[in-house]
Amino acid sequence: MSKSFYTTAVWASILILVMLIVPMSLEACPGCKELDEPINKGFNWSILFLMAMPFTVFGLIGGTIFLHWNGYRLSGVGSRLKDRFIKRKPFNR
């Protein structure tokens, strides 16, 4: 067999050994160990809010750009949409 096969086998065995040993020596973060404490509950809620903020900001900006691009005003969105769908002609068959 070639030298590259043995090199690949050695690296693969080292990788498997590391994958088996390392997870046993690691511990979870302090917030994940005891979720019943108030400080950890607050930490988890702050992570959820931090994850939700980009979606909220980009959704508001994107929605505003969409409405302005299509010529809608926020006060008359419902009436304009209603007029648009009433004036739409049915499909010709």
C-alpha atoms as a PDB file:
ATOM      1  CA  MET A   1       0.000   0.000   0.000  1.00  0.00           C
ATOM      2  CA  SER A   2       1.086   3.539  -0.602  1.00  0.00           C
ATOM      3  CA  LYS A   3       2.469   5.992   1.881  1.00  0.00           C
ATOM      4  CA  SER A   4      -0.504   8.349   1.464  1.00  0.00           C
ATOM      5  CA  PHE A   5      -2.895   5.599   2.592  1.00  0.00           C
ATOM      6  CA  TYR A   6      -0.981   5.126   5.840  1.00  0.00           C
ATOM      7  CA  THR A   7      -0.808   8.876   6.406  1.00  0.00           C
ATOM      8  CA  THR A   8      -4.551   9.198   5.866  1.00  0.00           C
ATOM      9  CA  ALA A   9      -5.205   6.256   8.203  1.00  0.00           C
ATOM     10  CA  VAL A  10      -3.030   7.780  10.940  1.00  0.00           C
ATOM     11  CA  TRP A  11      -4.739  11.176  10.678  1.00  0.00           C
ATOM     12  CA  ALA A  12      -8.187   9.565  10.646  1.00  0.00           C
ATOM     13  CA  SER A  13      -7.399   7.529  13.756  1.00  0.00           C
ATOM     14  CA  ILE A  14      -6.058  10.635  15.544  1.00  0.00           C
ATOM     15  CA  LEU A  15      -9.211  12.531  14.609  1.00  0.00           C
ATOM     16  CA  ILE A  16     -11.453   9.730  15.889  1.00  0.00           C
ATOM     17  CA  LEU A  17      -9.468   9.535  19.129  1.00  0.00           C
ATOM     18  CA  VAL A  18      -9.775  13.292  19.685  1.00  0.00           C
ATOM     19  CA  MET A  19     -13.494  13.172  18.928  1.00  0.00           C
ATOM     20  CA  LEU A  20     -13.961  10.473  21.555  1.00  0.00           C
ATOM     21  CA  ILE A  21     -11.815  12.044  24.301  1.00  0.00           C
ATOM     22  CA  VAL A  22     -12.561  15.785  24.079  1.00  0.00           C
ATOM     23  CA  PRO A  23     -16.349  15.726  24.686  1.00  0.00           C
ATOM     24  CA  MET A  24     -15.820  13.802  27.918  1.00  0.00           C
ATOM     25  CA  SER A  25     -13.598  16.514  29.354  1.00  0.00           C
ATOM     26  CA  LEU A  26     -15.761  19.510  28.378  1.00  0.00           C
ATOM     27  CA  GLU A  27     -18.546  20.944  30.479  1.00  0.00           C
ATOM     28  CA  ALA A  28     -21.557  22.979  29.519  1.00  0.00           C
ATOM     29  CA  CYS A  29     -21.669  26.718  29.991  1.00  0.00           C
ATOM     30  CA  PRO A  30     -22.677  27.980  33.474  1.00  0.00           C
ATOM     31  CA  GLY A  31     -26.072  29.096  32.213  1.00  0.00           C
ATOM     32  CA  CYS A  32     -26.937  25.615  30.952  1.00  0.00           C
ATOM     33  CA  LYS A  33     -26.104  23.692  34.128  1.00  0.00           C
ATOM     34  CA  GLU A  34     -28.798  24.931  36.485  1.00  0.00           C
ATOM     35  CA  LEU A  35     -31.709  26.480  34.612  1.00  0.00           C
ATOM     36  CA  ASP A  36     -33.859  26.931  37.730  1.00  0.00           C
ATOM     37  CA  GLU A  37     -31.859  29.834  39.123  1.00  0.00           C
ATOM     38  CA  PRO A  38     -33.227  33.326  38.342  1.00  0.00           C
ATOM     39  CA  ILE A  39     -29.930  34.631  36.961  1.00  0.00           C
ATOM     40  CA  ASN A  40     -29.778  31.780  34.447  1.00  0.00           C
ATOM     41  CA  LYS A  41     -33.381  32.304  33.379  1.00  0.00           C
ATOM     42  CA  GLY A  42     -32.605  35.970  32.768  1.00  0.00           C
ATOM     43  CA  PHE A  43     -29.501  35.017  30.813  1.00  0.00           C
ATOM     44  CA  ASN A  44     -31.539  32.696  28.588  1.00  0.00           C
ATOM     45  CA  TRP A  45     -34.188  35.366  27.963  1.00  0.00           C
ATOM     46  CA  SER A  46     -31.518  37.910  27.045  1.00  0.00           C
ATOM     47  CA  ILE A  47     -30.113  35.481  24.468  1.00  0.00           C
ATOM     48  CA  LEU A  48     -33.574  35.040  22.943  1.00  0.00           C
ATOM     49  CA  PHE A  49     -34.080  38.806  22.706  1.00  0.00           C
ATOM     50  CA  LEU A  50     -30.647  39.281  21.157  1.00  0.00           C
ATOM     51  CA  MET A  51     -31.463  36.642  18.553  1.00  0.00           C
ATOM     52  CA  ALA A  52     -34.862  38.206  17.743  1.00  0.00           C
ATOM     53  CA  MET A  53     -33.668  41.802  17.332  1.00  0.00           C
ATOM     54  CA  PRO A  54     -32.041  41.483  13.862  1.00  0.00           C
ATOM     55  CA  PHE A  55     -35.198  39.868  12.474  1.00  0.00           C
ATOM     56  CA  THR A  56     -37.352  42.602  13.984  1.00  0.00           C
ATOM     57  CA  VAL A  57     -35.177  45.451  12.719  1.00  0.00           C
ATOM     58  CA  PHE A  58     -34.714  44.054   9.211  1.00  0.00           C
ATOM     59  CA  GLY A  59     -38.399  43.118   9.031  1.00  0.00           C
ATOM     60  CA  LEU A  60     -39.497  46.652   9.921  1.00  0.00           C
ATOM     61  CA  ILE A  61     -37.034  48.238   7.496  1.00  0.00           C
ATOM     62  CA  GLY A  62     -37.905  45.770   4.738  1.00  0.00           C
ATOM     63  CA  GLY A  63     -41.641  46.198   5.285  1.00  0.00           C
ATOM     64  CA  THR A  64     -41.342  49.982   5.199  1.00  0.00           C
ATOM     65  CA  ILE A  65     -39.313  49.874   1.994  1.00  0.00           C
ATOM     66  CA  PHE A  66     -41.830  47.464   0.457  1.00  0.00           C
ATOM     67  CA  LEU A  67     -44.778  49.692   1.337  1.00  0.00           C
ATOM     68  CA  HIS A  68     -43.080  52.842   0.041  1.00  0.00           C
ATOM     69  CA  TRP A  69     -41.901  51.070  -3.118  1.00  0.00           C
ATOM     70  CA  ASN A  70     -45.460  50.014  -3.929  1.00  0.00           C
ATOM     71  CA  GLY A  71     -46.919  53.440  -3.104  1.00  0.00           C
ATOM     72  CA  TYR A  72     -48.975  52.475  -0.063  1.00  0.00           C
ATOM     73  CA  ARG A  73     -49.513  54.785   2.841  1.00  0.00           C
ATOM     74  CA  LEU A  74     -49.692  53.203   6.259  1.00  0.00           C
ATOM     75  CA  SER A  75     -53.028  54.865   7.081  1.00  0.00           C
ATOM     76  CA  GLY A  76     -54.726  53.631   3.930  1.00  0.00           C
ATOM     77  CA  VAL A  77     -53.237  50.207   3.393  1.00  0.00           C
ATOM     78  CA  GLY A  78     -56.478  48.372   4.023  1.00  0.00           C
ATOM     79  CA  SER A  79     -58.596  50.531   1.735  1.00  0.00           C
ATOM     80  CA  ARG A  80     -56.036  50.467  -1.100  1.00  0.00           C
ATOM     81  CA  LEU A  81     -55.683  46.710  -0.887  1.00  0.00           C
ATOM     82  CA  LYS A  82     -59.463  46.354  -0.889  1.00  0.00           C
ATOM     83  CA  ASP A  83     -59.795  48.599  -3.953  1.00  0.00           C
ATOM     84  CA  ARG A  84     -57.002  46.742  -5.716  1.00  0.00           C
ATOM     85  CA  PHE A  85     -58.596  43.338  -5.253  1.00  0.00           C
ATOM     86  CA  ILE A  86     -62.108  44.545  -6.142  1.00  0.00           C
ATOM     87  CA  LYS A  87     -60.933  46.095  -9.442  1.00  0.00           C
ATOM     88  CA  ARG A  88     -58.972  42.981 -10.435  1.00  0.00           C
ATOM     89  CA  LYS A  89     -60.519  41.246 -13.387  1.00  0.00           C
ATOM     90  CA  PRO A  90     -61.048  37.486 -13.306  1.00  0.00           C
ATOM     91  CA  PHE A  91     -58.785  35.285 -15.357  1.00  0.00           C
ATOM     92  CA  ASN A  92     -59.845  34.736 -18.967  1.00  0.00           C
ATOM     93  CA  ARG A  93     -60.279  31.097 -19.875  1.00  0.00           C
END
